Amino acid sequence: MSRTVKFSEDVVSLGDLKVNPGKVVRHADEARRPVLLTSHGRGVAVVQSLSEFESAQEERNFMRAVVAGLVDLEEGRVVPLEDVKRHLGLG
């Protein structure tokens, strides 16, 4: 799961990124927090480690599936457990 940006450590200007991109990427990976990139004092992008990005994406996909399942349940789109077991050859 993504961690909150520590503004004292995780804010980098685009100019600093151009000077040492490896350091910025390494920091994002080691701190396991996103790095906020700024231009003229305004946030413009985020650098995040690949593992943190993938983890966050999996969490978003899971939550979307949970919400879709709850909507199906509320709207009566359900299948009895015995029918599912029979369909899967489990019962």
Foldseek 3Di string as FASTA:
>chain_A
DADDDDVVPQEEEVVVCVVPVPVNQVCQVVVVHWHFYDDPPDTDDIRHHPVSVVVVVVVVVVVVVVVVVVVCVVVVVDDDPVVVCVVVVND
